[in-house]
Amino acid sequence: MLDAECPTIETSISSKGSAKGVQVNEVLAFLGKPSSPSVIRGKGHGLFTTAESAMATFAGEGVGRMTPSRTKWYGSIFFTAGSTGKLTFLNDMVAVFESEIDMGEIFKEKLGMEVSI
């Protein structure tokens, strides 16, 4: 999607990992716009699922710093989860994140989940 005044970057990611020892599949979509040279501000939303069909949704915002070989993101995520299942611990959780996307489209993500409401 392009904006005549400022380009918008739309990205979708699917990944596998774990959250506090629970294996999850993640689907993430976000929109970003350059805010200054080599910096992108973005907002996104996504979904964690488990093999047992537990789900948690999230919305977040972050800042990405671009280099010729990668973009490194820092930001926060707000989770919502059901009252049952392996992802219940994520309900009303606030997490900080650090992620990296390299030019080979390798995606790495770390979540810090020490803060909850």
C-alpha atoms as a PDB file:
ATOM      1  CA  MET A   1       0.000   0.000   0.000  1.00  0.00           C
ATOM      2  CA  LEU A   2       1.444   3.375  -0.947  1.00  0.00           C
ATOM      3  CA  ASP A   3       0.675   6.822   0.385  1.00  0.00           C
ATOM      4  CA  ALA A   4       1.352   9.733  -1.992  1.00  0.00           C
ATOM      5  CA  GLU A   5       2.907  11.810   0.806  1.00  0.00           C
ATOM      6  CA  CYS A   6       4.773   9.104   2.704  1.00  0.00           C
ATOM      7  CA  PRO A   7       5.282   5.457   1.766  1.00  0.00           C
ATOM      8  CA  THR A   8       3.603   2.834   3.944  1.00  0.00           C
ATOM      9  CA  ILE A   9       5.243  -0.549   4.392  1.00  0.00           C
ATOM     10  CA  GLU A  10       2.860  -3.451   4.995  1.00  0.00           C
ATOM     11  CA  THR A  11       4.370  -6.704   6.270  1.00  0.00           C
ATOM     12  CA  SER A  12       2.971 -10.107   7.271  1.00  0.00           C
ATOM     13  CA  ILE A  13       4.944 -12.736   9.182  1.00  0.00           C
ATOM     14  CA  SER A  14       4.263 -16.335  10.223  1.00  0.00           C
ATOM     15  CA  SER A  15       6.591 -17.931  12.755  1.00  0.00           C
ATOM     16  CA  LYS A  16       6.892 -20.680  15.369  1.00  0.00           C
ATOM     17  CA  GLY A  17       8.352 -20.356  18.840  1.00  0.00           C
ATOM     18  CA  SER A  18       7.489 -20.559  22.501  1.00  0.00           C
ATOM     19  CA  ALA A  19       5.980 -18.272  25.135  1.00  0.00           C
ATOM     20  CA  LYS A  20       6.900 -19.254  28.718  1.00  0.00           C
ATOM     21  CA  GLY A  21       7.554 -22.812  27.535  1.00  0.00           C
ATOM     22  CA  VAL A  22       4.324 -23.163  25.509  1.00  0.00           C
ATOM     23  CA  GLN A  23       4.894 -23.901  21.804  1.00  0.00           C
ATOM     24  CA  VAL A  24       3.050 -21.321  19.665  1.00  0.00           C
ATOM     25  CA  ASN A  25       2.443 -20.417  16.058  1.00  0.00           C
ATOM     26  CA  GLU A  26       2.418 -16.663  15.452  1.00  0.00           C
ATOM     27  CA  VAL A  27       0.774 -14.684  12.684  1.00  0.00           C
ATOM     28  CA  LEU A  28       1.605 -10.971  12.622  1.00  0.00           C
ATOM     29  CA  ALA A  29       0.656  -8.097  10.317  1.00  0.00           C
ATOM     30  CA  PHE A  30       1.944  -4.559  10.678  1.00  0.00           C
ATOM     31  CA  LEU A  31       2.072  -1.216   8.895  1.00  0.00           C
ATOM     32  CA  GLY A  32       5.066   1.063   9.105  1.00  0.00           C
ATOM     33  CA  LYS A  33       5.906   4.558   7.918  1.00  0.00           C
ATOM     34  CA  PRO A  34       9.295   6.260   7.864  1.00  0.00           C
ATOM     35  CA  SER A  35       9.547   8.853  10.628  1.00  0.00           C
ATOM     36  CA  SER A  36      13.114   9.979   9.903  1.00  0.00           C
ATOM     37  CA  PRO A  37      16.053   8.663   7.857  1.00  0.00           C
ATOM     38  CA  SER A  38      16.567   4.939   8.631  1.00  0.00           C
ATOM     39  CA  VAL A  39      13.710   4.867  11.195  1.00  0.00           C
ATOM     40  CA  ILE A  40      10.234   3.333  10.783  1.00  0.00           C
ATOM     41  CA  ARG A  41       7.321   3.643  13.222  1.00  0.00           C
ATOM     42  CA  GLY A  42       4.875   0.767  13.031  1.00  0.00           C
ATOM     43  CA  LYS A  43       1.635  -0.607  14.451  1.00  0.00           C
ATOM     44  CA  GLY A  44       0.492  -4.182  14.191  1.00  0.00           C
ATOM     45  CA  HIS A  45      -1.721  -6.965  15.408  1.00  0.00           C
ATOM     46  CA  GLY A  46      -1.465 -10.704  15.519  1.00  0.00           C
ATOM     47  CA  LEU A  47      -2.384 -14.060  16.938  1.00  0.00           C
ATOM     48  CA  PHE A  48      -0.670 -16.826  18.930  1.00  0.00           C
ATOM     49  CA  THR A  49      -2.164 -20.330  18.633  1.00  0.00           C
ATOM     50  CA  THR A  50      -1.191 -23.680  20.150  1.00  0.00           C
ATOM     51  CA  ALA A  51      -1.608 -27.238  18.862  1.00  0.00           C
ATOM     52  CA  GLU A  52      -4.513 -27.562  21.348  1.00  0.00           C
ATOM     53  CA  SER A  53      -6.312 -24.581  19.700  1.00  0.00           C
ATOM     54  CA  ALA A  54      -5.650 -22.126  22.542  1.00  0.00           C
ATOM     55  CA  MET A  55      -5.481 -18.535  21.234  1.00  0.00           C
ATOM     56  CA  ALA A  56      -4.192 -15.139  22.299  1.00  0.00           C
ATOM     57  CA  THR A  57      -4.458 -11.977  20.229  1.00  0.00           C
ATOM     58  CA  PHE A  58      -2.183  -8.966  20.498  1.00  0.00           C
ATOM     59  CA  ALA A  59      -1.759  -5.395  19.306  1.00  0.00           C
ATOM     60  CA  GLY A  60       1.462  -3.465  19.452  1.00  0.00           C
ATOM     61  CA  GLU A  61       3.534  -0.516  18.398  1.00  0.00           C
ATOM     62  CA  GLY A  62       7.235  -0.172  17.784  1.00  0.00           C
ATOM     63  CA  VAL A  63      10.151   1.661  16.226  1.00  0.00           C
ATOM     64  CA  GLY A  64      12.407   0.007  13.660  1.00  0.00           C
ATOM     65  CA  ARG A  65      15.955   1.054  12.853  1.00  0.00           C
ATOM     66  CA  MET A  66      17.100   0.111   9.348  1.00  0.00           C
ATOM     67  CA  THR A  67      20.607  -0.789   8.238  1.00  0.00           C
ATOM     68  CA  PRO A  68      21.664  -2.153   4.836  1.00  0.00           C
ATOM     69  CA  SER A  69      21.425  -5.730   6.175  1.00  0.00           C
ATOM     70  CA  ARG A  70      18.472  -5.684   8.620  1.00  0.00           C
ATOM     71  CA  THR A  71      15.742  -3.833  10.469  1.00  0.00           C
ATOM     72  CA  LYS A  72      15.740  -4.086  14.253  1.00  0.00           C
ATOM     73  CA  TRP A  73      12.488  -3.306  16.085  1.00  0.00           C
ATOM     74  CA  TYR A  74      11.748  -2.328  19.707  1.00  0.00           C
ATOM     75  CA  GLY A  75       8.287  -1.788  21.153  1.00  0.00           C
ATOM     76  CA  SER A  76       5.402  -3.016  23.277  1.00  0.00           C
ATOM     77  CA  ILE A  77       2.595  -5.538  22.845  1.00  0.00           C
ATOM     78  CA  PHE A  78      -0.770  -5.823  24.634  1.00  0.00           C
ATOM     79  CA  PHE A  79      -2.274  -9.337  24.823  1.00  0.00           C
ATOM     80  CA  THR A  80      -5.810 -10.666  25.199  1.00  0.00           C
ATOM     81  CA  ALA A  81      -6.455 -14.379  25.799  1.00  0.00           C
ATOM     82  CA  GLY A  82      -9.335 -16.644  26.728  1.00  0.00           C
ATOM     83  CA  SER A  83     -10.069 -17.784  30.265  1.00  0.00           C
ATOM     84  CA  THR A  84      -9.012 -21.381  29.572  1.00  0.00           C
ATOM     85  CA  GLY A  85      -6.132 -23.053  27.783  1.00  0.00           C
ATOM     86  CA  LYS A  86      -2.347 -22.896  27.781  1.00  0.00           C
ATOM     87  CA  LEU A  87      -2.195 -19.193  26.818  1.00  0.00           C
ATOM     88  CA  THR A  88      -4.429 -17.896  29.629  1.00  0.00           C
ATOM     89  CA  PHE A  89      -1.347 -16.386  31.324  1.00  0.00           C
ATOM     90  CA  LEU A  90      -1.164 -13.874  28.429  1.00  0.00           C
ATOM     91  CA  ASN A  91      -4.566 -12.313  29.188  1.00  0.00           C
ATOM     92  CA  ASP A  92      -4.102  -8.583  29.906  1.00  0.00           C
ATOM     93  CA  MET A  93      -0.324  -9.021  29.681  1.00  0.00           C
ATOM     94  CA  VAL A  94       1.905  -6.176  28.524  1.00  0.00           C
ATOM     95  CA  ALA A  95       5.235  -7.189  26.989  1.00  0.00           C
ATOM     96  CA  VAL A  96       8.208  -5.385  25.539  1.00  0.00           C
ATOM     97  CA  PHE A  97       9.730  -6.847  22.409  1.00  0.00           C
ATOM     98  CA  GLU A  98      12.882  -6.807  20.371  1.00  0.00           C
ATOM     99  CA  SER A  99      12.760  -8.290  16.881  1.00  0.00           C
ATOM    100  CA  GLU A 100      14.955  -8.382  13.836  1.00  0.00           C
ATOM    101  CA  ILE A 101      14.252  -8.977  10.149  1.00  0.00           C
ATOM    102  CA  ASP A 102      17.298  -9.443   7.959  1.00  0.00           C
ATOM    103  CA  MET A 103      17.439  -8.998   4.194  1.00  0.00           C
ATOM    104  CA  GLY A 104      17.205 -12.794   3.819  1.00  0.00           C
ATOM    105  CA  GLU A 105      13.772 -12.463   5.483  1.00  0.00           C
ATOM    106  CA  ILE A 106      14.871 -14.306   8.643  1.00  0.00           C
ATOM    107  CA  PHE A 107      12.682 -13.151  11.555  1.00  0.00           C
ATOM    108  CA  LYS A 108      13.844 -13.346  15.197  1.00  0.00           C
ATOM    109  CA  GLU A 109      11.831 -12.115  18.165  1.00  0.00           C
ATOM    110  CA  LYS A 110      12.306 -11.833  21.947  1.00  0.00           C
ATOM    111  CA  LEU A 111       9.487 -10.935  24.335  1.00  0.00           C
ATOM    112  CA  GLY A 112       9.924  -9.687  27.883  1.00  0.00           C
ATOM    113  CA  MET A 113       6.794 -10.655  29.819  1.00  0.00           C
ATOM    114  CA  GLU A 114       7.575  -9.479  33.315  1.00  0.00           C
ATOM    115  CA  VAL A 115       4.835  -6.829  33.445  1.00  0.00           C
ATOM    116  CA  SER A 116       1.158  -7.758  33.730  1.00  0.00           C
ATOM    117  CA  ILE A 117      -2.014  -5.902  34.654  1.00  0.00           C
END
